[in-house]
C-alpha cells in the first residue's frame, strides 16, 4: 500500500500500475480491496477513466462503498459525469440512506450548471430518506472550545476583538 500510495502522490502512475500488476502475476499476491482503491484513486486523479472502468469490470470486490466514493470524488475533478453517475448508483444500491453520493453528485452537477439534474438528485435524496448531517466548526478562545453549525446565530463584531482570535 505504501508503495502504491507513494507512486500515486508522486505522479508515477504507470510505475504504480506496473507494481500493482506484478503483485499477482510475479509474486502470487492477491490484491486486496485497499490496493484496488489506491490504484483507482491514482488513475482517477490522472483522468484515466477507461483504465478505471477496465479494473472495475474485472474485480470481484465491488460491493464496498469506499471504492465507489473514491471514484465519485475522482470523477468530479475531471467532470466525468457518466462514471460518477455509475459510481453514485452503486452507492445508492449499497445504502440508499447514505447522503454522501447524493451530495457528491449534486455538487458535480451544480458546478456544471446542470440544475435540473441537481433537482432530480435532491428529490431522490428525499425519496430515499437520505439526510445530510450539518457540518460543524470549532473555535477555541480563553473560555474553551465553542462548536458552531449551520443553524447557529452569529454576532457580528464591528471592531477587532482578540477574544475571537485562534491561538497558535
C-alpha atoms as a PDB file:
ATOM      1  CA  UNK A   1       0.000   0.000   0.000  1.00  0.00           C
ATOM      2  CA  UNK A   2       2.764   2.412   0.902  1.00  0.00           C
ATOM      3  CA  UNK A   3       4.492   1.951  -2.454  1.00  0.00           C
ATOM      4  CA  UNK A   4       1.253   2.330  -4.435  1.00  0.00           C
ATOM      5  CA  UNK A   5       0.331   5.438  -2.462  1.00  0.00           C
ATOM      6  CA  UNK A   6       3.806   6.911  -2.950  1.00  0.00           C
ATOM      7  CA  UNK A   7       3.590   6.300  -6.690  1.00  0.00           C
ATOM      8  CA  UNK A   8       0.174   7.947  -6.794  1.00  0.00           C
ATOM      9  CA  UNK A   9       1.218  11.058  -4.902  1.00  0.00           C
ATOM     10  CA  UNK A  10       4.468  11.493  -6.773  1.00  0.00           C
ATOM     11  CA  UNK A  11       2.829  11.214 -10.200  1.00  0.00           C
ATOM     12  CA  UNK A  12       4.399   7.847 -11.020  1.00  0.00           C
ATOM     13  CA  UNK A  13       1.051   6.342 -12.023  1.00  0.00           C
ATOM     14  CA  UNK A  14       2.400   3.962 -14.674  1.00  0.00           C
ATOM     15  CA  UNK A  15       5.059   2.661 -12.296  1.00  0.00           C
ATOM     16  CA  UNK A  16       2.389   2.104  -9.630  1.00  0.00           C
ATOM     17  CA  UNK A  17       0.224   0.187 -12.119  1.00  0.00           C
ATOM     18  CA  UNK A  18       3.230  -1.932 -13.071  1.00  0.00           C
ATOM     19  CA  UNK A  19       3.801  -2.780  -9.394  1.00  0.00           C
ATOM     20  CA  UNK A  20       0.092  -3.481  -8.880  1.00  0.00           C
ATOM     21  CA  UNK A  21       0.006  -5.854 -11.868  1.00  0.00           C
ATOM     22  CA  UNK A  22       3.166  -7.627 -10.723  1.00  0.00           C
ATOM     23  CA  UNK A  23       1.675  -8.374  -7.301  1.00  0.00           C
ATOM     24  CA  UNK A  24      -0.261 -11.379  -8.555  1.00  0.00           C
ATOM     25  CA  UNK A  25       1.494 -12.152 -11.853  1.00  0.00           C
ATOM     26  CA  UNK A  26       5.049 -12.200 -10.485  1.00  0.00           C
ATOM     27  CA  UNK A  27       4.674 -12.656  -6.757  1.00  0.00           C
ATOM     28  CA  UNK A  28       1.387 -14.529  -6.328  1.00  0.00           C
ATOM     29  CA  UNK A  29      -0.027 -11.845  -4.016  1.00  0.00           C
ATOM     30  CA  UNK A  30      -3.752 -11.351  -4.487  1.00  0.00           C
ATOM     31  CA  UNK A  31      -4.511  -7.609  -4.353  1.00  0.00           C
ATOM     32  CA  UNK A  32      -6.788  -6.551  -1.520  1.00  0.00           C
ATOM     33  CA  UNK A  33      -9.596  -4.056  -1.793  1.00  0.00           C
ATOM     34  CA  UNK A  34      -7.315  -1.306  -0.447  1.00  0.00           C
ATOM     35  CA  UNK A  35      -4.873  -1.939  -3.320  1.00  0.00           C
ATOM     36  CA  UNK A  36      -7.681  -1.590  -5.852  1.00  0.00           C
ATOM     37  CA  UNK A  37      -8.939   1.584  -4.201  1.00  0.00           C
ATOM     38  CA  UNK A  38      -5.452   3.099  -4.286  1.00  0.00           C
ATOM     39  CA  UNK A  39      -4.984   2.255  -7.979  1.00  0.00           C
ATOM     40  CA  UNK A  40      -8.457   3.532  -8.907  1.00  0.00           C
ATOM     41  CA  UNK A  41      -7.766   6.736  -6.994  1.00  0.00           C
ATOM     42  CA  UNK A  42      -4.435   7.157  -8.796  1.00  0.00           C
ATOM     43  CA  UNK A  43      -5.908   6.569 -12.234  1.00  0.00           C
ATOM     44  CA  UNK A  44      -8.901   8.786 -11.470  1.00  0.00           C
ATOM     45  CA  UNK A  45      -6.701  11.659 -10.327  1.00  0.00           C
ATOM     46  CA  UNK A  46      -4.828  11.287 -13.618  1.00  0.00           C
ATOM     47  CA  UNK A  47      -8.067  11.265 -15.654  1.00  0.00           C
ATOM     48  CA  UNK A  48      -7.529   7.716 -16.930  1.00  0.00           C
ATOM     49  CA  UNK A  49     -11.128   6.612 -16.548  1.00  0.00           C
ATOM     50  CA  UNK A  50     -11.090   3.974 -19.308  1.00  0.00           C
ATOM     51  CA  UNK A  51      -8.498   2.085 -17.287  1.00  0.00           C
ATOM     52  CA  UNK A  52     -10.572   2.568 -14.129  1.00  0.00           C
ATOM     53  CA  UNK A  53     -13.591   1.043 -15.850  1.00  0.00           C
ATOM     54  CA  UNK A  54     -11.458  -1.899 -17.021  1.00  0.00           C
ATOM     55  CA  UNK A  55     -10.375  -2.578 -13.446  1.00  0.00           C
ATOM     56  CA  UNK A  56     -13.933  -2.229 -12.129  1.00  0.00           C
ATOM     57  CA  UNK A  57     -15.251  -4.659 -14.730  1.00  0.00           C
ATOM     58  CA  UNK A  58     -12.673  -7.290 -13.749  1.00  0.00           C
ATOM     59  CA  UNK A  59     -12.510  -7.043  -9.967  1.00  0.00           C
ATOM     60  CA  UNK A  60     -14.532  -9.179  -7.612  1.00  0.00           C
ATOM     61  CA  UNK A  61     -14.877  -6.873  -4.605  1.00  0.00           C
ATOM     62  CA  UNK A  62     -17.218  -4.195  -5.977  1.00  0.00           C
ATOM     63  CA  UNK A  63     -19.613  -4.016  -3.022  1.00  0.00           C
ATOM     64  CA  UNK A  64     -17.522  -1.638  -0.941  1.00  0.00           C
ATOM     65  CA  UNK A  65     -18.813   1.912  -0.530  1.00  0.00           C
ATOM     66  CA  UNK A  66     -15.325   3.419  -0.066  1.00  0.00           C
ATOM     67  CA  UNK A  67     -14.362   2.221  -3.540  1.00  0.00           C
ATOM     68  CA  UNK A  68     -17.328   3.989  -5.120  1.00  0.00           C
ATOM     69  CA  UNK A  69     -16.945   7.154  -3.007  1.00  0.00           C
ATOM     70  CA  UNK A  70     -13.316   7.451  -4.122  1.00  0.00           C
ATOM     71  CA  UNK A  71     -14.455   7.046  -7.703  1.00  0.00           C
ATOM     72  CA  UNK A  72     -17.193   9.699  -7.477  1.00  0.00           C
ATOM     73  CA  UNK A  73     -14.683  12.118  -5.966  1.00  0.00           C
ATOM     74  CA  UNK A  74     -12.121  11.363  -8.682  1.00  0.00           C
ATOM     75  CA  UNK A  75     -14.711  11.857 -11.400  1.00  0.00           C
ATOM     76  CA  UNK A  76     -15.593  15.269 -10.048  1.00  0.00           C
ATOM     77  CA  UNK A  77     -12.059  16.532 -10.703  1.00  0.00           C
ATOM     78  CA  UNK A  78     -12.400  15.861 -14.460  1.00  0.00           C
ATOM     79  CA  UNK A  79     -16.201  16.309 -14.699  1.00  0.00           C
ATOM     80  CA  UNK A  80     -16.663  12.680 -15.764  1.00  0.00           C
ATOM     81  CA  UNK A  81     -20.422  12.638 -15.223  1.00  0.00           C
ATOM     82  CA  UNK A  82     -21.001   9.235 -16.824  1.00  0.00           C
ATOM     83  CA  UNK A  83     -18.695   7.347 -14.483  1.00  0.00           C
ATOM     84  CA  UNK A  84     -19.649   9.472 -11.459  1.00  0.00           C
ATOM     85  CA  UNK A  85     -23.284   8.558 -12.072  1.00  0.00           C
ATOM     86  CA  UNK A  86     -22.375   4.859 -12.288  1.00  0.00           C
ATOM     87  CA  UNK A  87     -20.469   5.087  -9.001  1.00  0.00           C
ATOM     88  CA  UNK A  88     -23.282   7.015  -7.314  1.00  0.00           C
ATOM     89  CA  UNK A  89     -25.831   4.433  -8.478  1.00  0.00           C
ATOM     90  CA  UNK A  90     -23.708   1.681  -6.931  1.00  0.00           C
ATOM     91  CA  UNK A  91     -23.665   3.660  -3.686  1.00  0.00           C
ATOM     92  CA  UNK A  92     -27.453   4.162  -3.866  1.00  0.00           C
ATOM     93  CA  UNK A  93     -27.787   0.395  -4.266  1.00  0.00           C
ATOM     94  CA  UNK A  94     -25.473  -0.375  -1.347  1.00  0.00           C
ATOM     95  CA  UNK A  95     -27.005   2.133   1.054  1.00  0.00           C
ATOM     96  CA  UNK A  96     -29.796   4.361  -0.255  1.00  0.00           C
ATOM     97  CA  UNK A  97     -29.899   6.310   3.049  1.00  0.00           C
ATOM     98  CA  UNK A  98     -26.260   7.459   2.868  1.00  0.00           C
ATOM     99  CA  UNK A  99     -26.248  11.122   1.841  1.00  0.00           C
ATOM    100  CA  UNK A 100     -22.651  11.134   0.535  1.00  0.00           C
ATOM    101  CA  UNK A 101     -23.267  10.036  -3.076  1.00  0.00           C
ATOM    102  CA  UNK A 102     -26.256  12.349  -3.452  1.00  0.00           C
ATOM    103  CA  UNK A 103     -24.263  15.334  -2.229  1.00  0.00           C
ATOM    104  CA  UNK A 104     -21.188  14.498  -4.328  1.00  0.00           C
ATOM    105  CA  UNK A 105     -23.228  14.019  -7.496  1.00  0.00           C
ATOM    106  CA  UNK A 106     -25.401  17.094  -6.862  1.00  0.00           C
ATOM    107  CA  UNK A 107     -22.257  19.190  -6.298  1.00  0.00           C
ATOM    108  CA  UNK A 108     -20.810  17.911  -9.555  1.00  0.00           C
ATOM    109  CA  UNK A 109     -23.997  18.757 -11.437  1.00  0.00           C
ATOM    110  CA  UNK A 110     -24.192  22.212  -9.868  1.00  0.00           C
ATOM    111  CA  UNK A 111     -20.578  23.002 -10.788  1.00  0.00           C
ATOM    112  CA  UNK A 112     -21.547  22.204 -14.387  1.00  0.00           C
ATOM    113  CA  UNK A 113     -24.722  24.282 -14.225  1.00  0.00           C
ATOM    114  CA  UNK A 114     -26.951  21.217 -14.639  1.00  0.00           C
ATOM    115  CA  UNK A 115     -29.699  22.472 -12.333  1.00  0.00           C
ATOM    116  CA  UNK A 116     -32.395  20.018 -13.482  1.00  0.00           C
ATOM    117  CA  UNK A 117     -30.078  17.149 -12.563  1.00  0.00           C
ATOM    118  CA  UNK A 118     -29.360  18.764  -9.188  1.00  0.00           C
ATOM    119  CA  UNK A 119     -33.101  18.965  -8.531  1.00  0.00           C
ATOM    120  CA  UNK A 120     -33.582  15.296  -9.508  1.00  0.00           C
ATOM    121  CA  UNK A 121     -30.785  14.179  -7.183  1.00  0.00           C
ATOM    122  CA  UNK A 122     -32.210  16.245  -4.310  1.00  0.00           C
ATOM    123  CA  UNK A 123     -35.663  14.727  -4.938  1.00  0.00           C
ATOM    124  CA  UNK A 124     -34.152  11.221  -4.973  1.00  0.00           C
ATOM    125  CA  UNK A 125     -32.389  12.033  -1.719  1.00  0.00           C
ATOM    126  CA  UNK A 126     -35.708  12.991  -0.093  1.00  0.00           C
ATOM    127  CA  UNK A 127     -37.464   9.972  -1.595  1.00  0.00           C
ATOM    128  CA  UNK A 128     -34.818   7.617  -0.146  1.00  0.00           C
ATOM    129  CA  UNK A 129     -34.798   9.457   3.201  1.00  0.00           C
ATOM    130  CA  UNK A 130     -31.104  10.240   2.949  1.00  0.00           C
ATOM    131  CA  UNK A 131     -30.360  13.019   5.417  1.00  0.00           C
ATOM    132  CA  UNK A 132     -27.144  15.008   5.336  1.00  0.00           C
ATOM    133  CA  UNK A 133     -25.922  15.895   8.783  1.00  0.00           C
ATOM    134  CA  UNK A 134     -24.814  19.516   9.090  1.00  0.00           C
ATOM    135  CA  UNK A 135     -21.147  20.375   9.155  1.00  0.00           C
ATOM    136  CA  UNK A 136     -19.575  21.744  12.316  1.00  0.00           C
ATOM    137  CA  UNK A 137     -16.765  24.135  13.036  1.00  0.00           C
ATOM    138  CA  UNK A 138     -14.922  24.732  16.282  1.00  0.00           C
ATOM    139  CA  UNK A 139     -13.439  27.908  17.660  1.00  0.00           C
ATOM    140  CA  UNK A 140     -11.156  27.974  20.671  1.00  0.00           C
ATOM    141  CA  UNK A 141     -10.790  31.013  22.887  1.00  0.00           C
ATOM    142  CA  UNK A 142      -9.897  31.649  26.536  1.00  0.00           C
ATOM    143  CA  UNK A 143     -13.324  30.355  27.633  1.00  0.00           C
ATOM    144  CA  UNK A 144     -12.824  26.991  25.899  1.00  0.00           C
ATOM    145  CA  UNK A 145     -13.965  25.461  22.632  1.00  0.00           C
ATOM    146  CA  UNK A 146     -17.226  26.541  21.037  1.00  0.00           C
ATOM    147  CA  UNK A 147     -18.929  24.385  18.412  1.00  0.00           C
ATOM    148  CA  UNK A 148     -20.903  26.036  15.600  1.00  0.00           C
ATOM    149  CA  UNK A 149     -23.192  24.570  12.976  1.00  0.00           C
ATOM    150  CA  UNK A 150     -25.286  25.928  10.140  1.00  0.00           C
ATOM    151  CA  UNK A 151     -28.268  26.785  12.398  1.00  0.00           C
ATOM    152  CA  UNK A 152     -26.314  28.915  14.887  1.00  0.00           C
ATOM    153  CA  UNK A 153     -26.753  32.670  15.043  1.00  0.00           C
ATOM    154  CA  UNK A 154     -23.540  34.657  14.862  1.00  0.00           C
ATOM    155  CA  UNK A 155     -22.868  38.013  16.396  1.00  0.00           C
ATOM    156  CA  UNK A 156     -21.271  40.496  14.008  1.00  0.00           C
ATOM    157  CA  UNK A 157     -18.236  42.186  15.539  1.00  0.00           C
ATOM    158  CA  UNK A 158     -17.730  45.788  14.427  1.00  0.00           C
ATOM    159  CA  UNK A 159     -14.127  46.053  15.512  1.00  0.00           C
ATOM    160  CA  UNK A 160     -11.255  43.668  16.093  1.00  0.00           C
ATOM    161  CA  UNK A 161     -11.653  41.717  19.313  1.00  0.00           C
ATOM    162  CA  UNK A 162      -8.716  39.494  20.261  1.00  0.00           C
ATOM    163  CA  UNK A 163     -11.042  37.186  22.214  1.00  0.00           C
ATOM    164  CA  UNK A 164     -12.174  35.770  18.862  1.00  0.00           C
ATOM    165  CA  UNK A 165      -8.695  35.015  17.510  1.00  0.00           C
ATOM    166  CA  UNK A 166      -7.425  31.450  17.282  1.00  0.00           C
ATOM    167  CA  UNK A 167      -4.255  30.762  19.185  1.00  0.00           C
ATOM    168  CA  UNK A 168      -1.215  29.294  17.510  1.00  0.00           C
END
